[in-house]
Amino acid sequence: MLNSPVFSKTAIEHDSKQSSQTIEIKIECFGAIERLLPANLSLQSKSGMTISDVLDDLIRSYPEAESLLDRCACAIGEDIIPRQTLLESDSIVVLLSPVAGG
């Protein structure tokens, strides 16, 4: 007889609640992006959204900011993060305008 895994109802409910958890993502902008997006901007989303998903949502809502959002750096705290970063809890995402010069 093969052993099959046994899952408790509590564990399954916990996993299901975690994957459908709603989180708040606050957006802080600096540089040229700051002039194109509203102050005190925040999004409500399901846990597991990527930074790239956040930027796509912003582009849909604020198409005039697309060229800057496509090239901006993203940070959480003092750390620059890749666009594939998953957001699994309430977060403040900082958008930094692209910089040119030397």
C-alpha atoms as a PDB file:
ATOM      1  CA  MET A   1       0.000   0.000   0.000  1.00  0.00           C
ATOM      2  CA  LEU A   2       1.389   3.387  -0.971  1.00  0.00           C
ATOM      3  CA  ASN A   3       1.576   6.117   1.588  1.00  0.00           C
ATOM      4  CA  SER A   4      -0.378   9.150   0.559  1.00  0.00           C
ATOM      5  CA  PRO A   5       0.207  12.544   2.142  1.00  0.00           C
ATOM      6  CA  VAL A   6      -2.282  13.602   4.747  1.00  0.00           C
ATOM      7  CA  PHE A   7      -3.188  17.279   4.929  1.00  0.00           C
ATOM      8  CA  SER A   8      -5.077  18.778   7.776  1.00  0.00           C
ATOM      9  CA  LYS A   9      -8.001  21.005   6.926  1.00  0.00           C
ATOM     10  CA  THR A  10      -6.346  23.838   8.876  1.00  0.00           C
ATOM     11  CA  ALA A  11      -3.170  23.699   6.768  1.00  0.00           C
ATOM     12  CA  ILE A  12      -5.145  23.747   3.516  1.00  0.00           C
ATOM     13  CA  GLU A  13      -7.291  26.658   4.693  1.00  0.00           C
ATOM     14  CA  HIS A  14      -4.170  28.555   5.776  1.00  0.00           C
ATOM     15  CA  ASP A  15      -2.488  28.069   2.368  1.00  0.00           C
ATOM     16  CA  SER A  16      -5.625  29.139   0.540  1.00  0.00           C
ATOM     17  CA  LYS A  17      -6.004  32.274   2.688  1.00  0.00           C
ATOM     18  CA  GLN A  18      -2.365  33.198   2.136  1.00  0.00           C
ATOM     19  CA  SER A  19      -2.590  32.997  -1.656  1.00  0.00           C
ATOM     20  CA  SER A  20      -5.706  35.178  -1.782  1.00  0.00           C
ATOM     21  CA  GLN A  21      -4.539  37.685   0.839  1.00  0.00           C
ATOM     22  CA  THR A  22      -5.029  41.316  -0.167  1.00  0.00           C
ATOM     23  CA  ILE A  23      -2.056  43.587   0.337  1.00  0.00           C
ATOM     24  CA  GLU A  24      -1.557  47.346   0.058  1.00  0.00           C
ATOM     25  CA  ILE A  25       1.246  48.644  -2.134  1.00  0.00           C
ATOM     26  CA  LYS A  26       2.112  52.286  -1.541  1.00  0.00           C
ATOM     27  CA  ILE A  27       3.953  54.041  -4.361  1.00  0.00           C
ATOM     28  CA  GLU A  28       6.538  56.757  -3.706  1.00  0.00           C
ATOM     29  CA  CYS A  29       8.014  58.573  -6.715  1.00  0.00           C
ATOM     30  CA  PHE A  30      11.061  60.755  -7.228  1.00  0.00           C
ATOM     31  CA  GLY A  31      12.253  62.834 -10.156  1.00  0.00           C
ATOM     32  CA  ALA A  32      10.217  63.218 -13.338  1.00  0.00           C
ATOM     33  CA  ILE A  33       7.882  60.325 -12.435  1.00  0.00           C
ATOM     34  CA  GLU A  34       6.733  62.286  -9.392  1.00  0.00           C
ATOM     35  CA  ARG A  35       5.216  64.928 -11.693  1.00  0.00           C
ATOM     36  CA  LEU A  36       3.211  62.342 -13.660  1.00  0.00           C
ATOM     37  CA  LEU A  37       1.670  60.277 -10.859  1.00  0.00           C
ATOM     38  CA  PRO A  38      -0.574  61.445  -8.019  1.00  0.00           C
ATOM     39  CA  ALA A  39       0.765  61.922  -4.506  1.00  0.00           C
ATOM     40  CA  ASN A  40      -0.280  59.326  -1.923  1.00  0.00           C
ATOM     41  CA  LEU A  41      -0.766  56.665  -4.608  1.00  0.00           C
ATOM     42  CA  SER A  42      -1.510  53.122  -3.422  1.00  0.00           C
ATOM     43  CA  LEU A  43      -2.836  49.920  -4.935  1.00  0.00           C
ATOM     44  CA  GLN A  44      -4.761  47.034  -3.417  1.00  0.00           C
ATOM     45  CA  SER A  45      -3.697  43.696  -4.847  1.00  0.00           C
ATOM     46  CA  LYS A  46      -3.446  40.004  -4.158  1.00  0.00           C
ATOM     47  CA  SER A  47      -0.295  38.732  -2.504  1.00  0.00           C
ATOM     48  CA  GLY A  48       2.249  37.432  -4.995  1.00  0.00           C
ATOM     49  CA  MET A  49       2.095  40.335  -7.434  1.00  0.00           C
ATOM     50  CA  THR A  50       5.442  41.258  -9.002  1.00  0.00           C
ATOM     51  CA  ILE A  51       6.964  44.709  -9.345  1.00  0.00           C
ATOM     52  CA  SER A  52       6.450  44.305 -13.089  1.00  0.00           C
ATOM     53  CA  ASP A  53       2.711  43.729 -12.476  1.00  0.00           C
ATOM     54  CA  VAL A  54       2.573  46.910 -10.378  1.00  0.00           C
ATOM     55  CA  LEU A  55       4.243  48.904 -13.161  1.00  0.00           C
ATOM     56  CA  ASP A  56       1.844  47.439 -15.749  1.00  0.00           C
ATOM     57  CA  ASP A  57      -1.128  48.517 -13.600  1.00  0.00           C
ATOM     58  CA  LEU A  58       0.325  52.014 -13.280  1.00  0.00           C
ATOM     59  CA  ILE A  59       0.849  52.255 -17.049  1.00  0.00           C
ATOM     60  CA  ARG A  60      -2.785  51.244 -17.662  1.00  0.00           C
ATOM     61  CA  SER A  61      -3.976  53.935 -15.249  1.00  0.00           C
ATOM     62  CA  TYR A  62      -1.422  56.623 -16.213  1.00  0.00           C
ATOM     63  CA  PRO A  63      -0.395  55.986 -19.846  1.00  0.00           C
ATOM     64  CA  GLU A  64       1.388  59.350 -20.011  1.00  0.00           C
ATOM     65  CA  ALA A  65       3.986  57.950 -17.588  1.00  0.00           C
ATOM     66  CA  GLU A  66       4.733  54.830 -19.657  1.00  0.00           C
ATOM     67  CA  SER A  67       8.086  55.914 -21.100  1.00  0.00           C
ATOM     68  CA  LEU A  68       9.457  56.727 -17.632  1.00  0.00           C
ATOM     69  CA  LEU A  69       7.929  53.696 -15.916  1.00  0.00           C
ATOM     70  CA  ASP A  70       9.477  51.410 -18.545  1.00  0.00           C
ATOM     71  CA  ARG A  71      12.935  52.724 -17.626  1.00  0.00           C
ATOM     72  CA  CYS A  72      12.672  53.548 -13.919  1.00  0.00           C
ATOM     73  CA  ALA A  73      14.563  51.855 -11.116  1.00  0.00           C
ATOM     74  CA  CYS A  74      12.463  50.282  -8.364  1.00  0.00           C
ATOM     75  CA  ALA A  75      13.354  50.012  -4.707  1.00  0.00           C
ATOM     76  CA  ILE A  76      11.993  48.810  -1.399  1.00  0.00           C
ATOM     77  CA  GLY A  77      13.669  50.595   1.461  1.00  0.00           C
ATOM     78  CA  GLU A  78      17.221  51.356   0.367  1.00  0.00           C
ATOM     79  CA  ASP A  79      17.523  48.300  -1.891  1.00  0.00           C
ATOM     80  CA  ILE A  80      17.115  48.469  -5.673  1.00  0.00           C
ATOM     81  CA  ILE A  81      15.049  45.421  -6.616  1.00  0.00           C
ATOM     82  CA  PRO A  82      14.426  43.508  -9.849  1.00  0.00           C
ATOM     83  CA  ARG A  83      11.043  43.692 -11.528  1.00  0.00           C
ATOM     84  CA  GLN A  84      10.504  39.965 -10.873  1.00  0.00           C
ATOM     85  CA  THR A  85      10.406  40.582  -7.108  1.00  0.00           C
ATOM     86  CA  LEU A  86       7.235  39.175  -5.537  1.00  0.00           C
ATOM     87  CA  LEU A  87       5.267  41.353  -3.144  1.00  0.00           C
ATOM     88  CA  GLU A  88       3.762  39.157  -0.459  1.00  0.00           C
ATOM     89  CA  SER A  89       2.939  41.709   2.228  1.00  0.00           C
ATOM     90  CA  ASP A  90       2.103  45.400   2.505  1.00  0.00           C
ATOM     91  CA  SER A  91       4.972  47.291   0.869  1.00  0.00           C
ATOM     92  CA  ILE A  92       6.222  50.730  -0.077  1.00  0.00           C
ATOM     93  CA  VAL A  93       7.646  50.646  -3.583  1.00  0.00           C
ATOM     94  CA  VAL A  94       9.877  53.546  -4.564  1.00  0.00           C
ATOM     95  CA  LEU A  95      10.087  54.533  -8.235  1.00  0.00           C
ATOM     96  CA  LEU A  96      13.235  56.381  -9.272  1.00  0.00           C
ATOM     97  CA  SER A  97      13.267  58.245 -12.583  1.00  0.00           C
ATOM     98  CA  PRO A  98      15.933  57.274 -15.072  1.00  0.00           C
ATOM     99  CA  VAL A  99      18.987  59.519 -14.876  1.00  0.00           C
ATOM    100  CA  ALA A 100      21.165  60.640 -17.763  1.00  0.00           C
ATOM    101  CA  GLY A 101      24.482  62.359 -17.733  1.00  0.00           C
ATOM    102  CA  GLY A 102      27.985  61.644 -16.724  1.00  0.00           C
END
